[in-house]
């Protein structure tokens, strides 16, 4: 199975929730999430995934 991934960075959890809900309606699911805090960048990091062939490999609900 092949997957497509996107990495998003958010400063605010409310902003993240709104945008992630929109991605979810397009068939994406969260693969990993965490918080980054270093000298150059800080924020909430979210990796989204979806199968390249969603008809053959539907995402679990």
PDB file of N, CA and C in Angstrom:
ATOM      1  N   UNK A   1       0.848  -1.169   0.000  1.00  0.00           N
ATOM      2  CA  UNK A   1       0.000   0.000   0.000  1.00  0.00           C
ATOM      3  C   UNK A   1       0.895   1.234   0.000  1.00  0.00           C
ATOM      4  N   UNK A   2       0.517   2.212  -0.798  1.00  0.00           N
ATOM      5  CA  UNK A   2       1.262   3.468  -0.843  1.00  0.00           C
ATOM      6  C   UNK A   2       0.442   4.566  -0.175  1.00  0.00           C
ATOM      7  N   UNK A   3       1.157   5.438   0.535  1.00  0.00           N
ATOM      8  CA  UNK A   3       0.514   6.511   1.284  1.00  0.00           C
ATOM      9  C   UNK A   3       1.027   7.863   0.814  1.00  0.00           C
ATOM     10  N   UNK A   4       0.187   8.846   0.963  1.00  0.00           N
ATOM     11  CA  UNK A   4       0.552  10.247   0.746  1.00  0.00           C
ATOM     12  C   UNK A   4       0.573  10.899   2.128  1.00  0.00           C
ATOM     13  N   UNK A   5       1.568  11.731   2.378  1.00  0.00           N
ATOM     14  CA  UNK A   5       1.709  12.378   3.683  1.00  0.00           C
ATOM     15  C   UNK A   5       1.794  13.889   3.528  1.00  0.00           C
ATOM     16  N   UNK A   6       1.314  14.603   4.535  1.00  0.00           N
ATOM     17  CA  UNK A   6       1.454  16.055   4.629  1.00  0.00           C
ATOM     18  C   UNK A   6       1.873  16.369   6.060  1.00  0.00           C
ATOM     19  N   UNK A   7       2.749  17.344   6.204  1.00  0.00           N
ATOM     20  CA  UNK A   7       3.163  17.796   7.531  1.00  0.00           C
ATOM     21  C   UNK A   7       2.700  19.237   7.696  1.00  0.00           C
ATOM     22  N   UNK A   8       1.952  19.485   8.753  1.00  0.00           N
ATOM     23  CA  UNK A   8       1.417  20.814   9.034  1.00  0.00           C
ATOM     24  C   UNK A   8       1.965  21.300  10.373  1.00  0.00           C
ATOM     25  N   UNK A   9       2.146  22.611  10.492  1.00  0.00           N
ATOM     26  CA  UNK A   9       2.618  23.226  11.738  1.00  0.00           C
ATOM     27  C   UNK A   9       1.617  24.308  12.132  1.00  0.00           C
ATOM     28  N   UNK A  10       1.201  24.288  13.389  1.00  0.00           N
ATOM     29  CA  UNK A  10       0.235  25.260  13.896  1.00  0.00           C
ATOM     30  C   UNK A  10       0.795  25.949  15.135  1.00  0.00           C
ATOM     31  N   UNK A  11       0.470  27.222  15.284  1.00  0.00           N
ATOM     32  CA  UNK A  11       0.836  27.969  16.488  1.00  0.00           C
ATOM     33  C   UNK A  11      -0.228  27.843  17.567  1.00  0.00           C
ATOM     34  N   UNK A  12      -1.463  27.569  17.147  1.00  0.00           N
ATOM     35  CA  UNK A  12      -2.604  27.631  18.047  1.00  0.00           C
ATOM     36  C   UNK A  12      -3.433  26.351  17.923  1.00  0.00           C
ATOM     37  N   UNK A  13      -3.859  25.784  19.043  1.00  0.00           N
ATOM     38  CA  UNK A  13      -4.648  24.551  19.003  1.00  0.00           C
ATOM     39  C   UNK A  13      -6.020  24.751  18.376  1.00  0.00           C
ATOM     40  N   UNK A  14      -6.651  25.905  18.596  1.00  0.00           N
ATOM     41  CA  UNK A  14      -7.960  26.161  17.991  1.00  0.00           C
ATOM     42  C   UNK A  14      -7.848  26.207  16.477  1.00  0.00           C
ATOM     43  N   UNK A  15      -6.813  26.859  15.978  1.00  0.00           N
ATOM     44  CA  UNK A  15      -6.553  26.911  14.537  1.00  0.00           C
ATOM     45  C   UNK A  15      -6.319  25.502  14.002  1.00  0.00           C
ATOM     46  N   UNK A  16      -5.554  24.717  14.731  1.00  0.00           N
ATOM     47  CA  UNK A  16      -5.250  23.342  14.311  1.00  0.00           C
ATOM     48  C   UNK A  16      -6.524  22.514  14.216  1.00  0.00           C
ATOM     49  N   UNK A  17      -7.386  22.616  15.213  1.00  0.00           N
ATOM     50  CA  UNK A  17      -8.621  21.832  15.214  1.00  0.00           C
ATOM     51  C   UNK A  17      -9.494  22.160  14.007  1.00  0.00           C
ATOM     52  N   UNK A  18      -9.647  23.441  13.701  1.00  0.00           N
ATOM     53  CA  UNK A  18     -10.472  23.843  12.552  1.00  0.00           C
ATOM     54  C   UNK A  18      -9.907  23.301  11.247  1.00  0.00           C
ATOM     55  N   UNK A  19      -8.609  23.461  11.056  1.00  0.00           N
ATOM     56  CA  UNK A  19      -8.008  23.016   9.803  1.00  0.00           C
ATOM     57  C   UNK A  19      -7.985  21.493   9.699  1.00  0.00           C
ATOM     58  N   UNK A  20      -7.698  20.801  10.797  1.00  0.00           N
ATOM     59  CA  UNK A  20      -7.666  19.338  10.755  1.00  0.00           C
ATOM     60  C   UNK A  20      -9.045  18.754  10.475  1.00  0.00           C
ATOM     61  N   UNK A  21     -10.101  19.398  10.954  1.00  0.00           N
ATOM     62  CA  UNK A  21     -11.457  18.952  10.621  1.00  0.00           C
ATOM     63  C   UNK A  21     -11.703  19.048   9.120  1.00  0.00           C
ATOM     64  N   UNK A  22     -11.200  20.107   8.486  1.00  0.00           N
ATOM     65  CA  UNK A  22     -11.350  20.249   7.035  1.00  0.00           C
ATOM     66  C   UNK A  22     -10.587  19.154   6.300  1.00  0.00           C
ATOM     67  N   UNK A  23      -9.365  18.853   6.730  1.00  0.00           N
ATOM     68  CA  UNK A  23      -8.580  17.781   6.107  1.00  0.00           C
ATOM     69  C   UNK A  23      -9.271  16.436   6.300  1.00  0.00           C
ATOM     70  N   UNK A  24      -9.865  16.219   7.465  1.00  0.00           N
ATOM     71  CA  UNK A  24     -10.560  14.964   7.741  1.00  0.00           C
ATOM     72  C   UNK A  24     -11.719  14.729   6.796  1.00  0.00           C
ATOM     73  N   UNK A  25     -12.431  15.779   6.448  1.00  0.00           N
ATOM     74  CA  UNK A  25     -13.541  15.649   5.500  1.00  0.00           C
ATOM     75  C   UNK A  25     -13.052  15.307   4.096  1.00  0.00           C
ATOM     76  N   UNK A  26     -11.776  15.544   3.817  1.00  0.00           N
ATOM     77  CA  UNK A  26     -11.191  15.223   2.509  1.00  0.00           C
ATOM     78  C   UNK A  26     -10.544  13.837   2.497  1.00  0.00           C
ATOM     79  N   UNK A  27     -10.699  13.068   3.585  1.00  0.00           N
ATOM     80  CA  UNK A  27     -10.184  11.708   3.621  1.00  0.00           C
ATOM     81  C   UNK A  27      -8.827  11.531   4.271  1.00  0.00           C
ATOM     82  N   UNK A  28      -8.330  12.575   4.929  1.00  0.00           N
ATOM     83  CA  UNK A  28      -7.024  12.486   5.595  1.00  0.00           C
ATOM     84  C   UNK A  28      -7.226  12.098   7.049  1.00  0.00           C
ATOM     85  N   UNK A  29      -6.243  11.399   7.623  1.00  0.00           N
ATOM     86  CA  UNK A  29      -6.270  11.094   9.052  1.00  0.00           C
ATOM     87  C   UNK A  29      -4.924  11.453   9.663  1.00  0.00           C
ATOM     88  N   UNK A  30      -4.931  11.701  10.965  1.00  0.00           N
ATOM     89  CA  UNK A  30      -3.697  12.064  11.666  1.00  0.00           C
ATOM     90  C   UNK A  30      -2.855  10.806  11.862  1.00  0.00           C
ATOM     91  N   UNK A  31      -1.614  10.862  11.399  1.00  0.00           N
ATOM     92  CA  UNK A  31      -0.682   9.749  11.573  1.00  0.00           C
ATOM     93  C   UNK A  31       0.172   9.956  12.822  1.00  0.00           C
ATOM     94  N   UNK A  32       0.519  11.197  13.109  1.00  0.00           N
ATOM     95  CA  UNK A  32       1.342  11.514  14.282  1.00  0.00           C
ATOM     96  C   UNK A  32       1.159  12.986  14.624  1.00  0.00           C
ATOM     97  N   UNK A  33       1.355  13.321  15.884  1.00  0.00           N
ATOM     98  CA  UNK A  33       1.247  14.716  16.318  1.00  0.00           C
ATOM     99  C   UNK A  33       2.183  14.933  17.501  1.00  0.00           C
ATOM    100  N   UNK A  34       2.641  16.166  17.640  1.00  0.00           N
ATOM    101  CA  UNK A  34       3.518  16.486  18.754  1.00  0.00           C
ATOM    102  C   UNK A  34       3.765  17.975  18.832  1.00  0.00           C
ATOM    103  N   UNK A  35       4.532  18.374  19.823  1.00  0.00           N
ATOM    104  CA  UNK A  35       4.863  19.779  20.024  1.00  0.00           C
ATOM    105  C   UNK A  35       6.361  19.954  19.860  1.00  0.00           C
ATOM    106  N   UNK A  36       6.744  20.967  19.107  1.00  0.00           N
ATOM    107  CA  UNK A  36       8.157  21.268  18.883  1.00  0.00           C
ATOM    108  C   UNK A  36       8.484  22.603  19.538  1.00  0.00           C
ATOM    109  N   UNK A  37       9.574  22.626  20.263  1.00  0.00           N
ATOM    110  CA  UNK A  37      10.020  23.868  20.883  1.00  0.00           C
ATOM    111  C   UNK A  37      11.542  23.900  20.829  1.00  0.00           C
ATOM    112  N   UNK A  38      12.066  24.669  19.895  1.00  0.00           N
ATOM    113  CA  UNK A  38      13.515  24.831  19.817  1.00  0.00           C
ATOM    114  C   UNK A  38      13.835  26.285  19.492  1.00  0.00           C
ATOM    115  N   UNK A  39      15.078  26.588  19.232  1.00  0.00           N
ATOM    116  CA  UNK A  39      15.489  27.976  19.003  1.00  0.00           C
ATOM    117  C   UNK A  39      14.938  28.558  17.706  1.00  0.00           C
ATOM    118  N   UNK A  40      14.651  27.712  16.720  1.00  0.00           N
ATOM    119  CA  UNK A  40      14.283  28.211  15.397  1.00  0.00           C
ATOM    120  C   UNK A  40      12.796  28.124  15.096  1.00  0.00           C
ATOM    121  N   UNK A  41      12.121  27.163  15.687  1.00  0.00           N
ATOM    122  CA  UNK A  41      10.708  26.971  15.366  1.00  0.00           C
ATOM    123  C   UNK A  41      10.007  26.338  16.563  1.00  0.00           C
ATOM    124  N   UNK A  42       8.790  26.760  16.811  1.00  0.00           N
ATOM    125  CA  UNK A  42       7.985  26.094  17.826  1.00  0.00           C
ATOM    126  C   UNK A  42       6.556  26.041  17.337  1.00  0.00           C
ATOM    127  N   UNK A  43       5.840  25.038  17.767  1.00  0.00           N
ATOM    128  CA  UNK A  43       4.456  24.882  17.383  1.00  0.00           C
ATOM    129  C   UNK A  43       4.032  23.428  17.448  1.00  0.00           C
ATOM    130  N   UNK A  44       2.789  23.208  17.065  1.00  0.00           N
ATOM    131  CA  UNK A  44       2.216  21.872  17.051  1.00  0.00           C
ATOM    132  C   UNK A  44       2.437  21.273  15.668  1.00  0.00           C
ATOM    133  N   UNK A  45       3.113  20.132  15.622  1.00  0.00           N
ATOM    134  CA  UNK A  45       3.411  19.456  14.367  1.00  0.00           C
ATOM    135  C   UNK A  45       2.430  18.308  14.189  1.00  0.00           C
ATOM    136  N   UNK A  46       1.811  18.236  13.014  1.00  0.00           N
ATOM    137  CA  UNK A  46       0.851  17.175  12.728  1.00  0.00           C
ATOM    138  C   UNK A  46       1.191  16.567  11.378  1.00  0.00           C
ATOM    139  N   UNK A  47       1.284  15.245  11.335  1.00  0.00           N
ATOM    140  CA  UNK A  47       1.485  14.535  10.080  1.00  0.00           C
ATOM    141  C   UNK A  47       0.165  13.877   9.709  1.00  0.00           C
ATOM    142  N   UNK A  48      -0.299  14.164   8.491  1.00  0.00           N
ATOM    143  CA  UNK A  48      -1.531  13.569   7.979  1.00  0.00           C
ATOM    144  C   UNK A  48      -1.183  12.496   6.962  1.00  0.00           C
ATOM    145  N   UNK A  49      -2.058  11.507   6.838  1.00  0.00           N
ATOM    146  CA  UNK A  49      -1.841  10.459   5.847  1.00  0.00           C
ATOM    147  C   UNK A  49      -3.161  10.089   5.187  1.00  0.00           C
ATOM    148  N   UNK A  50      -3.035   9.590   3.953  1.00  0.00           N
ATOM    149  CA  UNK A  50      -4.165   8.973   3.271  1.00  0.00           C
ATOM    150  C   UNK A  50      -3.594   8.030   2.213  1.00  0.00           C
ATOM    151  N   UNK A  51      -4.311   6.950   1.911  1.00  0.00           N
ATOM    152  CA  UNK A  51      -3.824   6.025   0.897  1.00  0.00           C
ATOM    153  C   UNK A  51      -3.941   6.652  -0.487  1.00  0.00           C
ATOM    154  N   UNK A  52      -3.008   6.306  -1.371  1.00  0.00           N
ATOM    155  CA  UNK A  52      -3.067   6.818  -2.739  1.00  0.00           C
ATOM    156  C   UNK A  52      -4.225   6.212  -3.512  1.00  0.00           C
ATOM    157  N   UNK A  53      -4.683   5.029  -3.113  1.00  0.00           N
ATOM    158  CA  UNK A  53      -5.826   4.371  -3.751  1.00  0.00           C
ATOM    159  C   UNK A  53      -6.910   4.152  -2.690  1.00  0.00           C
ATOM    160  N   UNK A  54      -7.692   5.206  -2.359  1.00  0.00           N
ATOM    161  CA  UNK A  54      -8.645   5.097  -1.254  1.00  0.00           C
ATOM    162  C   UNK A  54      -9.759   4.081  -1.499  1.00  0.00           C
ATOM    163  N   UNK A  55     -10.074   3.778  -2.760  1.00  0.00           N
ATOM    164  CA  UNK A  55     -11.116   2.789  -3.025  1.00  0.00           C
ATOM    165  C   UNK A  55     -10.637   1.382  -2.671  1.00  0.00           C
ATOM    166  N   UNK A  56      -9.368   1.128  -2.899  1.00  0.00           N
ATOM    167  CA  UNK A  56      -8.801  -0.191  -2.610  1.00  0.00           C
ATOM    168  C   UNK A  56      -8.419  -0.328  -1.142  1.00  0.00           C
ATOM    169  N   UNK A  57      -7.970   0.768  -0.534  1.00  0.00           N
ATOM    170  CA  UNK A  57      -7.526   0.753   0.861  1.00  0.00           C
ATOM    171  C   UNK A  57      -8.251   1.851   1.641  1.00  0.00           C
ATOM    172  N   UNK A  58      -9.496   1.632   2.016  1.00  0.00           N
ATOM    173  CA  UNK A  58     -10.204   2.680   2.773  1.00  0.00           C
ATOM    174  C   UNK A  58      -9.588   2.870   4.154  1.00  0.00           C
ATOM    175  N   UNK A  59      -9.644   4.091   4.643  1.00  0.00           N
ATOM    176  CA  UNK A  59      -9.117   4.390   5.974  1.00  0.00           C
ATOM    177  C   UNK A  59     -10.034   3.788   7.032  1.00  0.00           C
ATOM    178  N   UNK A  60      -9.473   3.291   8.123  1.00  0.00           N
ATOM    179  CA  UNK A  60     -10.316   2.784   9.213  1.00  0.00           C
ATOM    180  C   UNK A  60     -11.074   3.931   9.861  1.00  0.00           C
ATOM    181  N   UNK A  61     -12.240   3.656  10.328  1.00  0.00           N
ATOM    182  CA  UNK A  61     -13.070   4.670  10.999  1.00  0.00           C
ATOM    183  C   UNK A  61     -13.119   4.416  12.474  1.00  0.00           C
TER     184      UNK A  61
END
